[in-house]
């Protein structure tokens, strides 16, 4: 499964569950423990990155977090309709993604696009794609793919605090 699909599924689960989720985990779900992940680039916090844990031993568990202004993500797990703080114990691969944002004025509104001819729309889409491709990536692409990410954590019982310095993966 592509990482983008996985992140979309996990994010949709958070939204559908209202981020508060059900009141209890489904029977048979593993216990979870508090996990904080800090994402930095040489010490500078990276804001608005998504962090996803993928467990071989808990394939139905989704664990995701989004970094705040300090680069800190408090991880939340999804089990069915339940969404709650923490992550299951065990070894996991870690995926970090952050898509670059287009500068203001580059993308046209849907209203503007509706007034454009088909060839103008294609030209605009090509320009947007070129602009996105030229933008610097705060997170190396290798970290956003389950196959290429070298990052693995071992979540233990109790409080877990991890730091990812993306500058070490360029």
N, C-alpha and C. Protein backbone atom coordinates (compact mmCIF):
# COMPACT_ATOMS: atom_id res chain seq x y z
N UNK A 1 0.85 -1.18 0.00
CA UNK A 1 0.00 0.00 0.00
C UNK A 1 0.90 1.24 0.00
N UNK A 2 0.61 2.16 -0.86
CA UNK A 2 1.38 3.40 -0.94
C UNK A 2 1.18 4.18 0.34
N UNK A 3 2.22 4.91 0.75
CA UNK A 3 2.18 5.68 2.00
C UNK A 3 1.10 6.75 1.96
N UNK A 4 0.96 7.40 0.80
CA UNK A 4 -0.06 8.44 0.72
C UNK A 4 -1.43 7.87 1.01
N UNK A 5 -1.71 6.68 0.48
CA UNK A 5 -2.99 6.02 0.73
C UNK A 5 -3.13 5.71 2.21
N UNK A 6 -2.06 5.21 2.82
CA UNK A 6 -2.10 4.89 4.24
C UNK A 6 -2.35 6.14 5.08
N UNK A 7 -1.65 7.22 4.77
CA UNK A 7 -1.83 8.46 5.53
C UNK A 7 -3.25 8.98 5.35
N UNK A 8 -3.79 8.90 4.13
CA UNK A 8 -5.16 9.36 3.88
C UNK A 8 -6.15 8.52 4.68
N UNK A 9 -5.94 7.21 4.70
CA UNK A 9 -6.84 6.33 5.45
C UNK A 9 -6.77 6.65 6.95
N UNK A 10 -5.56 6.81 7.48
CA UNK A 10 -5.42 7.11 8.90
C UNK A 10 -6.02 8.47 9.23
N UNK A 11 -5.77 9.46 8.37
CA UNK A 11 -6.32 10.80 8.60
C UNK A 11 -7.84 10.76 8.53
N UNK A 12 -8.38 10.05 7.54
CA UNK A 12 -9.83 9.94 7.42
C UNK A 12 -10.42 9.27 8.67
N UNK A 13 -9.70 8.29 9.19
CA UNK A 13 -10.18 7.64 10.42
C UNK A 13 -10.25 8.62 11.57
N UNK A 14 -9.26 9.50 11.67
CA UNK A 14 -9.29 10.52 12.72
C UNK A 14 -10.45 11.47 12.53
N UNK A 15 -10.68 11.89 11.28
CA UNK A 15 -11.76 12.83 11.01
C UNK A 15 -13.12 12.19 11.26
N UNK A 16 -13.33 10.99 10.71
CA UNK A 16 -14.62 10.31 10.88
C UNK A 16 -14.91 10.06 12.35
N UNK A 17 -13.88 9.71 13.09
CA UNK A 17 -14.07 9.44 14.51
C UNK A 17 -14.15 10.71 15.33
N UNK A 18 -13.98 11.85 14.68
CA UNK A 18 -14.07 13.13 15.40
C UNK A 18 -12.89 13.36 16.31
N UNK A 19 -11.78 12.69 16.07
CA UNK A 19 -10.55 12.81 16.84
C UNK A 19 -10.72 12.39 18.29
N UNK A 20 -11.93 12.23 18.75
CA UNK A 20 -12.13 11.74 20.10
C UNK A 20 -12.37 10.26 20.07
N UNK A 21 -12.94 9.81 18.96
CA UNK A 21 -13.17 8.39 18.73
C UNK A 21 -14.23 7.82 19.64
N UNK A 22 -14.37 6.49 19.56
CA UNK A 22 -15.29 5.79 20.42
C UNK A 22 -14.80 5.84 21.86
N UNK A 23 -15.62 5.35 22.76
CA UNK A 23 -15.26 5.46 24.17
C UNK A 23 -14.33 4.34 24.62
N UNK A 24 -14.29 3.25 23.88
CA UNK A 24 -13.40 2.17 24.29
C UNK A 24 -12.85 1.44 23.07
N UNK A 25 -11.67 0.86 23.26
CA UNK A 25 -11.05 0.11 22.18
C UNK A 25 -11.81 -1.19 21.97
N UNK A 26 -11.81 -1.69 20.73
CA UNK A 26 -12.44 -2.98 20.47
C UNK A 26 -11.75 -4.10 21.25
N UNK A 27 -12.48 -5.14 21.62
CA UNK A 27 -11.88 -6.27 22.32
C UNK A 27 -10.71 -6.84 21.50
N UNK A 28 -9.66 -7.21 22.20
CA UNK A 28 -8.49 -7.80 21.55
C UNK A 28 -7.48 -6.78 21.07
N UNK A 29 -7.81 -5.48 21.18
CA UNK A 29 -6.84 -4.46 20.77
C UNK A 29 -5.69 -4.43 21.77
N UNK A 30 -4.47 -4.21 21.30
CA UNK A 30 -3.33 -4.18 22.21
C UNK A 30 -3.38 -2.94 23.11
N UNK A 31 -2.78 -3.01 24.29
CA UNK A 31 -2.69 -1.82 25.14
C UNK A 31 -1.80 -0.77 24.46
N UNK A 32 -2.06 0.50 24.76
CA UNK A 32 -1.27 1.57 24.18
C UNK A 32 -0.57 2.36 25.28
N UNK A 33 0.53 3.02 24.87
CA UNK A 33 1.35 3.77 25.82
C UNK A 33 1.64 5.15 25.24
N UNK A 34 1.80 6.15 26.09
CA UNK A 34 2.04 7.52 25.59
C UNK A 34 3.31 7.60 24.75
N UNK A 35 3.19 8.26 23.59
CA UNK A 35 4.33 8.43 22.70
C UNK A 35 4.35 9.86 22.18
N UNK A 36 5.50 10.49 22.33
CA UNK A 36 5.73 11.82 21.78
C UNK A 36 6.90 11.70 20.81
N UNK A 37 6.71 12.25 19.59
CA UNK A 37 7.77 12.25 18.59
C UNK A 37 8.06 13.71 18.24
N UNK A 38 9.34 14.08 18.31
CA UNK A 38 9.76 15.42 17.92
C UNK A 38 10.50 15.31 16.60
N UNK A 39 10.07 16.11 15.61
CA UNK A 39 10.69 16.09 14.29
C UNK A 39 11.41 17.42 14.09
N UNK A 40 12.72 17.33 13.82
CA UNK A 40 13.55 18.52 13.65
C UNK A 40 14.41 18.38 12.40
N UNK A 41 14.92 19.51 11.95
CA UNK A 41 15.89 19.55 10.87
C UNK A 41 17.12 20.26 11.43
N UNK A 42 18.07 19.47 11.92
CA UNK A 42 19.27 20.05 12.53
C UNK A 42 18.96 20.88 13.75
N UNK A 43 17.92 20.52 14.48
CA UNK A 43 17.54 21.25 15.68
C UNK A 43 16.36 22.19 15.49
N UNK A 44 16.02 22.55 14.25
CA UNK A 44 14.89 23.43 13.97
C UNK A 44 13.62 22.60 13.85
N UNK A 45 12.59 22.90 14.65
CA UNK A 45 11.35 22.11 14.59
C UNK A 45 10.70 22.16 13.21
N UNK A 46 10.12 21.04 12.79
CA UNK A 46 9.35 20.98 11.55
C UNK A 46 7.87 20.90 11.93
N UNK A 47 7.14 21.93 11.53
CA UNK A 47 5.71 22.03 11.83
C UNK A 47 4.89 21.42 10.70
N UNK A 48 3.74 20.87 11.05
CA UNK A 48 2.76 20.32 10.10
C UNK A 48 3.25 19.10 9.33
N UNK A 49 4.11 18.31 9.94
CA UNK A 49 4.51 17.03 9.35
C UNK A 49 3.62 15.94 9.93
N UNK A 50 3.39 14.90 9.16
CA UNK A 50 2.66 13.75 9.70
C UNK A 50 3.66 12.64 10.01
N UNK A 51 3.41 11.96 11.11
CA UNK A 51 4.25 10.85 11.56
C UNK A 51 3.35 9.64 11.66
N UNK A 52 3.73 8.55 11.03
CA UNK A 52 2.92 7.33 11.02
C UNK A 52 3.77 6.16 11.47
N UNK A 53 3.23 5.36 12.40
CA UNK A 53 3.89 4.13 12.82
C UNK A 53 3.21 2.97 12.09
N UNK A 54 4.02 2.06 11.55
CA UNK A 54 3.50 0.87 10.88
C UNK A 54 4.09 -0.35 11.58
N UNK A 55 3.20 -1.16 12.13
CA UNK A 55 3.60 -2.34 12.89
C UNK A 55 3.33 -3.60 12.08
N UNK A 56 4.31 -4.49 12.01
CA UNK A 56 4.09 -5.79 11.38
C UNK A 56 3.18 -6.64 12.27
N UNK A 57 3.35 -6.50 13.59
CA UNK A 57 2.60 -7.36 14.52
C UNK A 57 1.22 -6.83 14.87
N UNK A 58 0.91 -5.59 14.48
CA UNK A 58 -0.42 -5.00 14.71
C UNK A 58 -0.93 -4.38 13.41
N UNK A 59 -1.16 -5.20 12.38
CA UNK A 59 -1.50 -4.65 11.06
C UNK A 59 -2.82 -3.88 11.03
N UNK A 60 -3.70 -4.11 11.99
CA UNK A 60 -4.98 -3.39 11.98
C UNK A 60 -4.93 -2.12 12.81
N UNK A 61 -3.83 -1.87 13.48
CA UNK A 61 -3.70 -0.65 14.28
C UNK A 61 -3.12 0.45 13.41
N UNK A 62 -3.71 1.62 13.50
CA UNK A 62 -3.15 2.78 12.83
C UNK A 62 -2.66 3.74 13.90
N UNK A 63 -1.45 4.21 13.79
CA UNK A 63 -0.92 5.16 14.76
C UNK A 63 -0.35 6.34 14.00
N UNK A 64 -0.87 7.54 14.31
CA UNK A 64 -0.49 8.73 13.56
C UNK A 64 -0.43 9.94 14.48
N UNK A 65 0.40 10.90 14.10
CA UNK A 65 0.48 12.17 14.82
C UNK A 65 0.86 13.27 13.85
N UNK A 66 0.55 14.50 14.23
CA UNK A 66 0.86 15.66 13.40
C UNK A 66 1.64 16.65 14.25
N UNK A 67 2.76 17.14 13.72
CA UNK A 67 3.62 18.01 14.51
C UNK A 67 3.04 19.41 14.66
N UNK A 68 3.26 19.96 15.85
CA UNK A 68 2.83 21.32 16.15
C UNK A 68 3.97 22.30 15.85
N UNK A 69 3.83 23.54 16.29
CA UNK A 69 4.85 24.57 16.03
C UNK A 69 6.21 24.22 16.62
N UNK A 70 6.24 23.37 17.62
CA UNK A 70 7.50 22.95 18.24
C UNK A 70 8.05 21.66 17.63
N UNK A 71 7.39 21.16 16.57
CA UNK A 71 7.82 19.93 15.93
C UNK A 71 7.42 18.68 16.69
N UNK A 72 6.48 18.81 17.63
CA UNK A 72 6.09 17.69 18.49
C UNK A 72 4.76 17.09 18.05
N UNK A 73 4.74 15.77 17.91
CA UNK A 73 3.52 15.03 17.59
C UNK A 73 3.22 14.10 18.76
N UNK A 74 2.01 14.22 19.30
CA UNK A 74 1.53 13.26 20.29
C UNK A 74 0.80 12.18 19.50
N UNK A 75 1.30 10.96 19.55
CA UNK A 75 0.77 9.89 18.71
C UNK A 75 -0.59 9.42 19.22
N UNK A 76 -1.47 9.10 18.24
CA UNK A 76 -2.81 8.61 18.53
C UNK A 76 -3.02 7.33 17.73
N UNK A 77 -3.70 6.37 18.33
CA UNK A 77 -3.95 5.10 17.66
C UNK A 77 -5.41 4.97 17.28
N UNK A 78 -5.63 4.26 16.18
CA UNK A 78 -6.97 4.03 15.65
C UNK A 78 -7.22 2.53 15.64
N UNK A 79 -8.29 2.13 16.29
CA UNK A 79 -8.73 0.73 16.29
C UNK A 79 -10.22 0.76 15.94
N UNK A 80 -10.57 0.45 14.72
CA UNK A 80 -11.97 0.55 14.30
C UNK A 80 -12.42 2.00 14.39
N UNK A 81 -13.49 2.27 15.16
CA UNK A 81 -13.97 3.65 15.31
C UNK A 81 -13.35 4.34 16.53
N UNK A 82 -12.55 3.62 17.28
CA UNK A 82 -11.89 4.19 18.45
C UNK A 82 -10.63 4.93 18.03
N UNK A 83 -10.47 6.14 18.52
CA UNK A 83 -9.24 6.92 18.33
C UNK A 83 -8.84 7.43 19.70
N UNK A 84 -7.61 7.13 20.10
CA UNK A 84 -7.18 7.57 21.41
C UNK A 84 -5.69 7.78 21.48
N UNK A 85 -5.24 8.42 22.54
CA UNK A 85 -3.82 8.72 22.68
C UNK A 85 -3.00 7.45 22.90
N UNK A 86 -1.76 7.50 22.38
CA UNK A 86 -0.83 6.41 22.63
C UNK A 86 -0.61 5.53 21.41
N UNK A 87 0.30 4.58 21.59
CA UNK A 87 0.67 3.63 20.53
C UNK A 87 0.93 2.28 21.16
N UNK A 88 0.66 1.20 20.42
CA UNK A 88 0.93 -0.13 20.95
C UNK A 88 2.43 -0.35 21.16
N UNK A 89 2.76 -1.19 22.12
CA UNK A 89 4.16 -1.57 22.32
C UNK A 89 4.60 -2.43 21.15
N UNK A 90 5.87 -2.34 20.82
CA UNK A 90 6.43 -3.17 19.76
C UNK A 90 7.26 -2.35 18.80
N UNK A 91 7.91 -3.07 17.90
CA UNK A 91 8.78 -2.44 16.90
C UNK A 91 7.94 -1.95 15.74
N UNK A 92 8.23 -0.74 15.27
CA UNK A 92 7.48 -0.17 14.16
C UNK A 92 8.40 0.58 13.21
N UNK A 93 8.01 0.58 11.96
CA UNK A 93 8.66 1.43 10.96
C UNK A 93 7.99 2.79 11.10
N UNK A 94 8.76 3.86 10.86
CA UNK A 94 8.24 5.21 11.05
C UNK A 94 8.32 5.96 9.72
N UNK A 95 7.20 6.54 9.35
CA UNK A 95 7.10 7.31 8.12
C UNK A 95 6.85 8.76 8.50
N UNK A 96 7.61 9.67 7.90
CA UNK A 96 7.44 11.11 8.13
C UNK A 96 7.19 11.76 6.79
N UNK A 97 6.11 12.53 6.69
CA UNK A 97 5.80 13.22 5.45
C UNK A 97 5.46 14.68 5.71
N UNK A 98 5.82 15.49 4.76
CA UNK A 98 5.39 16.89 4.76
C UNK A 98 5.45 17.37 3.33
N UNK A 99 4.30 17.64 2.79
CA UNK A 99 4.23 18.12 1.42
C UNK A 99 4.49 19.62 1.41
N UNK A 100 5.24 20.09 0.42
CA UNK A 100 5.49 21.54 0.34
C UNK A 100 4.20 22.28 0.02
N UNK A 101 4.12 23.51 0.48
CA UNK A 101 2.94 24.35 0.23
C UNK A 101 3.24 25.29 -0.92
N UNK A 102 2.26 25.44 -1.81
CA UNK A 102 2.41 26.38 -2.91
C UNK A 102 2.42 27.81 -2.37
N UNK A 103 3.27 28.67 -2.93
CA UNK A 103 3.22 30.08 -2.52
C UNK A 103 1.87 30.70 -2.90
N UNK A 104 1.47 31.70 -2.15
CA UNK A 104 0.21 32.40 -2.45
C UNK A 104 0.23 32.90 -3.89
N UNK A 105 -0.92 32.80 -4.54
CA UNK A 105 -1.07 33.32 -5.88
C UNK A 105 -0.71 32.35 -6.99
N UNK A 106 -0.12 31.20 -6.66
CA UNK A 106 0.27 30.24 -7.70
C UNK A 106 -0.93 29.44 -8.16
N UNK A 107 -1.71 28.92 -7.24
CA UNK A 107 -2.87 28.11 -7.59
C UNK A 107 -4.08 29.00 -7.83
N UNK A 108 -4.87 28.63 -8.80
CA UNK A 108 -6.09 29.36 -9.12
C UNK A 108 -7.24 28.77 -8.31
N UNK A 109 -8.21 29.60 -8.00
CA UNK A 109 -9.40 29.12 -7.29
C UNK A 109 -10.26 28.30 -8.26
N UNK A 110 -11.19 27.53 -7.70
CA UNK A 110 -12.07 26.74 -8.56
C UNK A 110 -12.91 27.65 -9.44
N UNK A 111 -13.28 28.82 -8.93
CA UNK A 111 -14.05 29.76 -9.73
C UNK A 111 -13.23 30.25 -10.94
N UNK A 112 -11.94 30.54 -10.70
CA UNK A 112 -11.07 30.96 -11.79
C UNK A 112 -10.88 29.83 -12.80
N UNK A 113 -10.72 28.63 -12.30
CA UNK A 113 -10.52 27.47 -13.19
C UNK A 113 -11.75 27.24 -14.06
N UNK A 114 -12.94 27.50 -13.52
CA UNK A 114 -14.17 27.31 -14.29
C UNK A 114 -14.25 28.22 -15.50
N UNK A 115 -13.56 29.35 -15.46
CA UNK A 115 -13.62 30.30 -16.58
C UNK A 115 -12.52 30.05 -17.61
N UNK A 116 -11.64 29.11 -17.34
CA UNK A 116 -10.50 28.85 -18.23
C UNK A 116 -10.86 27.80 -19.27
N UNK A 117 -10.21 27.92 -20.43
CA UNK A 117 -10.38 26.89 -21.46
C UNK A 117 -9.64 25.63 -21.02
N UNK A 118 -9.91 24.53 -21.72
CA UNK A 118 -9.25 23.26 -21.37
C UNK A 118 -7.74 23.38 -21.52
N UNK A 119 -7.26 24.04 -22.54
CA UNK A 119 -5.81 24.18 -22.73
C UNK A 119 -5.21 25.09 -21.66
N UNK A 120 -5.94 26.12 -21.22
CA UNK A 120 -5.46 26.98 -20.14
C UNK A 120 -5.37 26.21 -18.83
N UNK A 121 -6.35 25.34 -18.59
CA UNK A 121 -6.34 24.52 -17.38
C UNK A 121 -5.13 23.60 -17.39
N UNK A 122 -4.88 22.94 -18.53
CA UNK A 122 -3.72 22.04 -18.63
C UNK A 122 -2.42 22.81 -18.42
N UNK A 123 -2.31 23.99 -19.00
CA UNK A 123 -1.11 24.81 -18.84
C UNK A 123 -0.93 25.23 -17.38
N UNK A 124 -2.04 25.58 -16.74
CA UNK A 124 -1.97 25.98 -15.32
C UNK A 124 -1.55 24.78 -14.45
N UNK A 125 -2.13 23.63 -14.71
CA UNK A 125 -1.78 22.43 -13.94
C UNK A 125 -0.29 22.10 -14.12
N UNK A 126 0.22 22.25 -15.33
CA UNK A 126 1.64 21.99 -15.59
C UNK A 126 2.51 22.99 -14.82
N UNK A 127 2.09 24.26 -14.79
CA UNK A 127 2.84 25.27 -14.05
C UNK A 127 2.85 24.96 -12.55
N UNK A 128 1.71 24.55 -12.02
CA UNK A 128 1.63 24.19 -10.60
C UNK A 128 2.55 23.00 -10.31
N UNK A 129 2.53 22.01 -11.19
CA UNK A 129 3.39 20.83 -11.00
C UNK A 129 4.87 21.23 -11.03
N UNK A 130 5.26 22.11 -11.97
CA UNK A 130 6.66 22.57 -12.03
C UNK A 130 7.04 23.34 -10.76
N UNK A 131 6.12 24.17 -10.29
CA UNK A 131 6.38 24.95 -9.07
C UNK A 131 6.56 24.01 -7.88
N UNK A 132 5.67 23.03 -7.73
CA UNK A 132 5.79 22.07 -6.62
C UNK A 132 7.11 21.30 -6.70
N UNK A 133 7.48 20.87 -7.90
CA UNK A 133 8.71 20.09 -8.07
C UNK A 133 9.95 20.90 -7.70
N UNK A 134 9.88 22.22 -7.88
CA UNK A 134 11.04 23.08 -7.60
C UNK A 134 11.13 23.49 -6.13
N UNK A 135 10.06 23.30 -5.37
CA UNK A 135 10.07 23.71 -3.96
C UNK A 135 10.97 22.80 -3.14
N UNK A 136 11.69 23.36 -2.18
CA UNK A 136 12.53 22.52 -1.32
C UNK A 136 11.67 21.61 -0.45
N UNK A 137 12.16 20.43 -0.19
CA UNK A 137 11.47 19.45 0.66
C UNK A 137 12.08 19.51 2.05
N UNK A 138 11.23 19.76 3.06
CA UNK A 138 11.74 19.78 4.44
C UNK A 138 12.05 18.37 4.92
N UNK A 139 11.31 17.40 4.39
CA UNK A 139 11.51 16.00 4.79
C UNK A 139 11.98 15.23 3.57
N UNK A 140 13.12 14.54 3.66
CA UNK A 140 13.59 13.76 2.52
C UNK A 140 12.55 12.73 2.08
N UNK A 141 12.36 12.56 0.77
CA UNK A 141 11.36 11.62 0.26
C UNK A 141 11.54 10.19 0.78
N UNK A 142 12.78 9.79 1.08
CA UNK A 142 13.01 8.42 1.56
C UNK A 142 12.30 8.15 2.88
N UNK A 143 12.04 9.19 3.67
CA UNK A 143 11.37 8.99 4.96
C UNK A 143 9.87 8.84 4.82
N UNK A 144 9.33 9.15 3.64
CA UNK A 144 7.89 9.09 3.48
C UNK A 144 7.41 7.83 2.76
N UNK A 145 8.25 6.84 2.72
CA UNK A 145 7.91 5.58 2.05
C UNK A 145 8.24 4.42 2.98
N UNK A 146 7.30 3.52 3.17
CA UNK A 146 7.49 2.40 4.10
C UNK A 146 8.65 1.51 3.68
N UNK A 147 8.93 1.43 2.39
CA UNK A 147 10.01 0.58 1.90
C UNK A 147 11.37 1.23 2.14
N UNK A 148 11.47 2.55 1.98
CA UNK A 148 12.78 3.21 2.04
C UNK A 148 13.10 3.88 3.37
N UNK A 149 12.11 4.06 4.25
CA UNK A 149 12.43 4.72 5.51
C UNK A 149 13.36 3.85 6.35
N UNK A 150 14.45 4.44 6.84
CA UNK A 150 15.36 3.68 7.70
C UNK A 150 14.98 3.78 9.18
N UNK A 151 13.96 4.57 9.48
CA UNK A 151 13.63 4.85 10.87
C UNK A 151 12.74 3.75 11.44
N UNK A 152 13.16 3.22 12.58
CA UNK A 152 12.38 2.24 13.34
C UNK A 152 12.46 2.62 14.80
N UNK A 153 11.35 2.46 15.50
CA UNK A 153 11.30 2.70 16.94
C UNK A 153 10.78 1.45 17.62
N UNK A 154 11.14 1.32 18.87
CA UNK A 154 10.59 0.27 19.74
C UNK A 154 9.76 0.98 20.80
N UNK A 155 8.44 0.87 20.69
CA UNK A 155 7.56 1.46 21.69
C UNK A 155 7.52 0.50 22.88
N UNK A 156 7.80 1.04 24.06
CA UNK A 156 7.86 0.24 25.28
C UNK A 156 6.70 0.60 26.20
N UNK A 157 6.46 -0.23 27.20
CA UNK A 157 5.49 0.11 28.23
C UNK A 157 5.98 1.37 28.93
N UNK A 158 5.04 2.26 29.26
CA UNK A 158 5.42 3.53 29.89
C UNK A 158 5.52 4.63 28.86
N UNK A 159 6.06 5.76 29.27
CA UNK A 159 6.19 6.95 28.41
C UNK A 159 7.32 6.75 27.39
N UNK A 160 7.09 7.14 26.15
CA UNK A 160 8.08 7.02 25.08
C UNK A 160 8.28 8.38 24.43
N UNK A 161 9.52 8.83 24.34
CA UNK A 161 9.86 10.09 23.69
C UNK A 161 10.94 9.81 22.64
N UNK A 162 10.64 10.14 21.39
CA UNK A 162 11.57 9.91 20.29
C UNK A 162 11.83 11.22 19.58
N UNK A 163 13.01 11.33 18.98
CA UNK A 163 13.35 12.48 18.15
C UNK A 163 13.83 11.99 16.80
N UNK A 164 13.33 12.64 15.75
CA UNK A 164 13.77 12.35 14.39
C UNK A 164 14.42 13.63 13.87
N UNK A 165 15.69 13.54 13.52
CA UNK A 165 16.39 14.67 12.90
C UNK A 165 16.52 14.35 11.41
N UNK A 166 15.69 14.99 10.60
CA UNK A 166 15.66 14.66 9.17
C UNK A 166 16.98 15.00 8.48
N UNK A 167 17.79 15.90 9.07
CA UNK A 167 19.07 16.25 8.44
C UNK A 167 20.02 15.05 8.41
N UNK A 168 19.79 14.06 9.25
CA UNK A 168 20.63 12.87 9.26
C UNK A 168 20.25 11.87 8.16
N UNK A 169 19.21 12.21 7.39
CA UNK A 169 18.72 11.28 6.36
C UNK A 169 18.75 11.89 4.96
N UNK A 170 19.56 12.91 4.79
CA UNK A 170 19.69 13.54 3.44
C UNK A 170 20.82 12.91 2.70
